[in-house]
Amino acid sequence: MALLPQFLFLLLTLVAIWLFSKKAIEIKRNIFLGKPEDLNNNPEQRWKNLFLLALGQ
């Protein structure tokens, strides 16, 4: 009877690890769905927007 709590704890731990890894893989997959953006056009306007947003907070 002393093994039952240990077995349940092990089972619960394995399920938690499985759920965590499943969610982490899903988040990683969603991050890599993005497409690269060309940031070489109009850097002055981008910096202006950056400072406007940063200081406007």
PDB file of N, CA and C in Angstrom:
ATOM      1  N   MET A   1       0.807  -1.197   0.000  1.00  0.00           N
ATOM      2  CA  MET A   1       0.000   0.000   0.000  1.00  0.00           C
ATOM      3  C   MET A   1       0.855   1.269   0.000  1.00  0.00           C
ATOM      4  N   ALA A   2       2.092   1.166   0.456  1.00  0.00           N
ATOM      5  CA  ALA A   2       2.969   2.334   0.499  1.00  0.00           C
ATOM      6  C   ALA A   2       3.442   2.732  -0.897  1.00  0.00           C
ATOM      7  N   LEU A   3       3.346   1.842  -1.849  1.00  0.00           N
ATOM      8  CA  LEU A   3       3.792   2.165  -3.203  1.00  0.00           C
ATOM      9  C   LEU A   3       2.747   2.948  -3.991  1.00  0.00           C
ATOM     10  N   LEU A   4       1.493   2.897  -3.591  1.00  0.00           N
ATOM     11  CA  LEU A   4       0.432   3.564  -4.337  1.00  0.00           C
ATOM     12  C   LEU A   4       0.629   5.082  -4.410  1.00  0.00           C
ATOM     13  N   PRO A   5       0.907   5.796  -3.324  1.00  0.00           N
ATOM     14  CA  PRO A   5       1.137   7.243  -3.433  1.00  0.00           C
ATOM     15  C   PRO A   5       2.349   7.581  -4.301  1.00  0.00           C
ATOM     16  N   GLN A   6       3.384   6.781  -4.227  1.00  0.00           N
ATOM     17  CA  GLN A   6       4.570   7.033  -5.049  1.00  0.00           C
ATOM     18  C   GLN A   6       4.250   6.823  -6.519  1.00  0.00           C
ATOM     19  N   PHE A   7       3.486   5.793  -6.825  1.00  0.00           N
ATOM     20  CA  PHE A   7       3.099   5.533  -8.207  1.00  0.00           C
ATOM     21  C   PHE A   7       2.214   6.649  -8.743  1.00  0.00           C
ATOM     22  N   LEU A   8       1.256   7.112  -7.927  1.00  0.00           N
ATOM     23  CA  LEU A   8       0.390   8.210  -8.365  1.00  0.00           C
ATOM     24  C   LEU A   8       1.181   9.500  -8.569  1.00  0.00           C
ATOM     25  N   PHE A   9       2.143   9.759  -7.691  1.00  0.00           N
ATOM     26  CA  PHE A   9       2.982  10.948  -7.845  1.00  0.00           C
ATOM     27  C   PHE A   9       3.808  10.862  -9.128  1.00  0.00           C
ATOM     28  N   LEU A  10       4.370   9.694  -9.402  1.00  0.00           N
ATOM     29  CA  LEU A  10       5.148   9.507 -10.619  1.00  0.00           C
ATOM     30  C   LEU A  10       4.270   9.688 -11.856  1.00  0.00           C
ATOM     31  N   LEU A  11       3.087   9.142 -11.816  1.00  0.00           N
ATOM     32  CA  LEU A  11       2.160   9.267 -12.938  1.00  0.00           C
ATOM     33  C   LEU A  11       1.771  10.724 -13.158  1.00  0.00           C
ATOM     34  N   LEU A  12       1.455  11.421 -12.088  1.00  0.00           N
ATOM     35  CA  LEU A  12       1.092  12.837 -12.187  1.00  0.00           C
ATOM     36  C   LEU A  12       2.259  13.682 -12.703  1.00  0.00           C
ATOM     37  N   THR A  13       3.465  13.378 -12.256  1.00  0.00           N
ATOM     38  CA  THR A  13       4.650  14.099 -12.718  1.00  0.00           C
ATOM     39  C   THR A  13       4.884  13.871 -14.211  1.00  0.00           C
ATOM     40  N   LEU A  14       4.748  12.642 -14.659  1.00  0.00           N
ATOM     41  CA  LEU A  14       4.940  12.338 -16.080  1.00  0.00           C
ATOM     42  C   LEU A  14       3.889  13.021 -16.944  1.00  0.00           C
ATOM     43  N   VAL A  15       2.652  13.058 -16.479  1.00  0.00           N
ATOM     44  CA  VAL A  15       1.591  13.741 -17.228  1.00  0.00           C
ATOM     45  C   VAL A  15       1.881  15.237 -17.300  1.00  0.00           C
ATOM     46  N   ALA A  16       2.340  15.821 -16.206  1.00  0.00           N
ATOM     47  CA  ALA A  16       2.665  17.255 -16.193  1.00  0.00           C
ATOM     48  C   ALA A  16       3.811  17.563 -17.150  1.00  0.00           C
ATOM     49  N   ILE A  17       4.837  16.735 -17.158  1.00  0.00           N
ATOM     50  CA  ILE A  17       5.967  16.936 -18.076  1.00  0.00           C
ATOM     51  C   ILE A  17       5.499  16.802 -19.522  1.00  0.00           C
ATOM     52  N   TRP A  18       4.646  15.829 -19.783  1.00  0.00           N
ATOM     53  CA  TRP A  18       4.137  15.625 -21.140  1.00  0.00           C
ATOM     54  C   TRP A  18       3.317  16.835 -21.601  1.00  0.00           C
ATOM     55  N   LEU A  19       2.433  17.348 -20.746  1.00  0.00           N
ATOM     56  CA  LEU A  19       1.631  18.514 -21.111  1.00  0.00           C
ATOM     57  C   LEU A  19       2.500  19.746 -21.332  1.00  0.00           C
ATOM     58  N   PHE A  20       3.499  19.940 -20.467  1.00  0.00           N
ATOM     59  CA  PHE A  20       4.397  21.080 -20.618  1.00  0.00           C
ATOM     60  C   PHE A  20       5.162  21.010 -21.934  1.00  0.00           C
ATOM     61  N   SER A  21       5.707  19.846 -22.259  1.00  0.00           N
ATOM     62  CA  SER A  21       6.485  19.720 -23.496  1.00  0.00           C
ATOM     63  C   SER A  21       5.585  19.869 -24.715  1.00  0.00           C
ATOM     64  N   LYS A  22       4.375  19.374 -24.639  1.00  0.00           N
ATOM     65  CA  LYS A  22       3.434  19.528 -25.756  1.00  0.00           C
ATOM     66  C   LYS A  22       3.134  21.002 -26.005  1.00  0.00           C
ATOM     67  N   LYS A  23       2.895  21.763 -24.944  1.00  0.00           N
ATOM     68  CA  LYS A  23       2.611  23.190 -25.079  1.00  0.00           C
ATOM     69  C   LYS A  23       3.843  23.953 -25.555  1.00  0.00           C
ATOM     70  N   ALA A  24       5.028  23.587 -25.078  1.00  0.00           N
ATOM     71  CA  ALA A  24       6.261  24.258 -25.499  1.00  0.00           C
ATOM     72  C   ALA A  24       6.512  24.024 -26.988  1.00  0.00           C
ATOM     73  N   ILE A  25       6.261  22.812 -27.458  1.00  0.00           N
ATOM     74  CA  ILE A  25       6.437  22.516 -28.884  1.00  0.00           C
ATOM     75  C   ILE A  25       5.435  23.314 -29.716  1.00  0.00           C
ATOM     76  N   GLU A  26       4.217  23.452 -29.222  1.00  0.00           N
ATOM     77  CA  GLU A  26       3.200  24.226 -29.946  1.00  0.00           C
ATOM     78  C   GLU A  26       3.590  25.696 -30.031  1.00  0.00           C
ATOM     79  N   ILE A  27       4.103  26.251 -28.939  1.00  0.00           N
ATOM     80  CA  ILE A  27       4.534  27.651 -28.941  1.00  0.00           C
ATOM     81  C   ILE A  27       5.712  27.842 -29.889  1.00  0.00           C
ATOM     82  N   LYS A  28       6.669  26.921 -29.866  1.00  0.00           N
ATOM     83  CA  LYS A  28       7.820  27.008 -30.770  1.00  0.00           C
ATOM     84  C   LYS A  28       7.362  26.952 -32.225  1.00  0.00           C
ATOM     85  N   ARG A  29       6.430  26.054 -32.535  1.00  0.00           N
ATOM     86  CA  ARG A  29       5.924  25.943 -33.897  1.00  0.00           C
ATOM     87  C   ARG A  29       5.242  27.242 -34.334  1.00  0.00           C
ATOM     88  N   ASN A  30       4.476  27.864 -33.439  1.00  0.00           N
ATOM     89  CA  ASN A  30       3.799  29.107 -33.776  1.00  0.00           C
ATOM     90  C   ASN A  30       4.784  30.249 -33.976  1.00  0.00           C
ATOM     91  N   ILE A  31       5.862  30.267 -33.215  1.00  0.00           N
ATOM     92  CA  ILE A  31       6.868  31.317 -33.381  1.00  0.00           C
ATOM     93  C   ILE A  31       7.524  31.204 -34.754  1.00  0.00           C
ATOM     94  N   PHE A  32       7.824  29.982 -35.176  1.00  0.00           N
ATOM     95  CA  PHE A  32       8.507  29.792 -36.449  1.00  0.00           C
ATOM     96  C   PHE A  32       7.574  29.896 -37.654  1.00  0.00           C
ATOM     97  N   LEU A  33       6.292  30.173 -37.436  1.00  0.00           N
ATOM     98  CA  LEU A  33       5.387  30.411 -38.558  1.00  0.00           C
ATOM     99  C   LEU A  33       5.617  31.790 -39.177  1.00  0.00           C
ATOM    100  N   GLY A  34       6.240  32.677 -38.420  1.00  0.00           N
ATOM    101  CA  GLY A  34       6.478  34.029 -38.912  1.00  0.00           C
ATOM    102  C   GLY A  34       7.434  34.039 -40.090  1.00  0.00           C
ATOM    103  N   LYS A  35       7.275  35.039 -40.915  1.00  0.00           N
ATOM    104  CA  LYS A  35       8.132  35.183 -42.090  1.00  0.00           C
ATOM    105  C   LYS A  35       9.128  36.308 -41.850  1.00  0.00           C
ATOM    106  N   PRO A  36      10.338  36.173 -42.375  1.00  0.00           N
ATOM    107  CA  PRO A  36      11.322  37.248 -42.185  1.00  0.00           C
ATOM    108  C   PRO A  36      10.866  38.532 -42.874  1.00  0.00           C
ATOM    109  N   GLU A  37      11.185  39.647 -42.248  1.00  0.00           N
ATOM    110  CA  GLU A  37      10.775  40.937 -42.775  1.00  0.00           C
ATOM    111  C   GLU A  37      12.009  41.709 -43.233  1.00  0.00           C
ATOM    112  N   ASP A  38      11.876  42.397 -44.345  1.00  0.00           N
ATOM    113  CA  ASP A  38      12.974  43.206 -44.860  1.00  0.00           C
ATOM    114  C   ASP A  38      13.042  44.509 -44.063  1.00  0.00           C
ATOM    115  N   LEU A  39      14.108  44.679 -43.291  1.00  0.00           N
ATOM    116  CA  LEU A  39      14.250  45.865 -42.448  1.00  0.00           C
ATOM    117  C   LEU A  39      15.254  46.855 -43.022  1.00  0.00           C
ATOM    118  N   ASN A  40      15.560  46.756 -44.300  1.00  0.00           N
ATOM    119  CA  ASN A  40      16.543  47.642 -44.907  1.00  0.00           C
ATOM    120  C   ASN A  40      15.926  48.876 -45.532  1.00  0.00           C
ATOM    121  N   ASN A  41      14.616  48.965 -45.540  1.00  0.00           N
ATOM    122  CA  ASN A  41      13.983  50.118 -46.182  1.00  0.00           C
ATOM    123  C   ASN A  41      13.580  51.150 -45.132  1.00  0.00           C
ATOM    124  N   ASN A  42      13.899  52.387 -45.376  1.00  0.00           N
ATOM    125  CA  ASN A  42      13.487  53.538 -44.584  1.00  0.00           C
ATOM    126  C   ASN A  42      13.813  53.400 -43.087  1.00  0.00           C
ATOM    127  N   PRO A  43      15.091  53.265 -42.735  1.00  0.00           N
ATOM    128  CA  PRO A  43      15.426  53.115 -41.309  1.00  0.00           C
ATOM    129  C   PRO A  43      15.128  54.374 -40.485  1.00  0.00           C
ATOM    130  N   GLU A  44      15.197  55.551 -41.093  1.00  0.00           N
ATOM    131  CA  GLU A  44      14.928  56.785 -40.345  1.00  0.00           C
ATOM    132  C   GLU A  44      13.491  56.803 -39.827  1.00  0.00           C
ATOM    133  N   GLN A  45      12.548  56.418 -40.658  1.00  0.00           N
ATOM    134  CA  GLN A  45      11.143  56.404 -40.247  1.00  0.00           C
ATOM    135  C   GLN A  45      10.905  55.357 -39.157  1.00  0.00           C
ATOM    136  N   ARG A  46      11.570  54.218 -39.262  1.00  0.00           N
ATOM    137  CA  ARG A  46      11.413  53.183 -38.231  1.00  0.00           C
ATOM    138  C   ARG A  46      11.960  53.652 -36.895  1.00  0.00           C
ATOM    139  N   TRP A  47      13.136  54.322 -36.891  1.00  0.00           N
ATOM    140  CA  TRP A  47      13.694  54.844 -35.641  1.00  0.00           C
ATOM    141  C   TRP A  47      12.789  55.922 -35.053  1.00  0.00           C
ATOM    142  N   LYS A  48      12.238  56.766 -35.916  1.00  0.00           N
ATOM    143  CA  LYS A  48      11.328  57.813 -35.446  1.00  0.00           C
ATOM    144  C   LYS A  48      10.102  57.185 -34.784  1.00  0.00           C
ATOM    145  N   ASN A  49       9.538  56.167 -35.412  1.00  0.00           N
ATOM    146  CA  ASN A  49       8.384  55.480 -34.833  1.00  0.00           C
ATOM    147  C   ASN A  49       8.745  54.811 -33.513  1.00  0.00           C
ATOM    148  N   LEU A  50       9.943  54.226 -33.447  1.00  0.00           N
ATOM    149  CA  LEU A  50      10.389  53.564 -32.228  1.00  0.00           C
ATOM    150  C   LEU A  50      10.475  54.556 -31.073  1.00  0.00           C
ATOM    151  N   PHE A  51      11.110  55.692 -31.308  1.00  0.00           N
ATOM    152  CA  PHE A  51      11.239  56.679 -30.236  1.00  0.00           C
ATOM    153  C   PHE A  51       9.899  57.290 -29.877  1.00  0.00           C
ATOM    154  N   LEU A  52       9.047  57.499 -30.854  1.00  0.00           N
ATOM    155  CA  LEU A  52       7.722  58.047 -30.583  1.00  0.00           C
ATOM    156  C   LEU A  52       6.908  57.094 -29.706  1.00  0.00           C
ATOM    157  N   LEU A  53       6.982  55.807 -30.023  1.00  0.00           N
ATOM    158  CA  LEU A  53       6.253  54.824 -29.210  1.00  0.00           C
ATOM    159  C   LEU A  53       6.869  54.672 -27.838  1.00  0.00           C
ATOM    160  N   ALA A  54       8.203  54.652 -27.759  1.00  0.00           N
ATOM    161  CA  ALA A  54       8.875  54.459 -26.482  1.00  0.00           C
ATOM    162  C   ALA A  54       8.643  55.653 -25.544  1.00  0.00           C
ATOM    163  N   LEU A  55       8.763  56.851 -26.065  1.00  0.00           N
ATOM    164  CA  LEU A  55       8.590  58.033 -25.232  1.00  0.00           C
ATOM    165  C   LEU A  55       7.114  58.376 -25.009  1.00  0.00           C
ATOM    166  N   GLY A  56       6.258  57.886 -25.887  1.00  0.00           N
ATOM    167  CA  GLY A  56       4.838  58.137 -25.736  1.00  0.00           C
ATOM    168  C   GLY A  56       4.172  57.235 -24.712  1.00  0.00           C
ATOM    169  N   GLN A  57       4.903  56.253 -24.233  1.00  0.00           N
ATOM    170  CA  GLN A  57       4.326  55.350 -23.226  1.00  0.00           C
ATOM    171  C   GLN A  57       4.161  56.128 -21.957  1.00  0.00           C
TER     172      GLN A  57
END
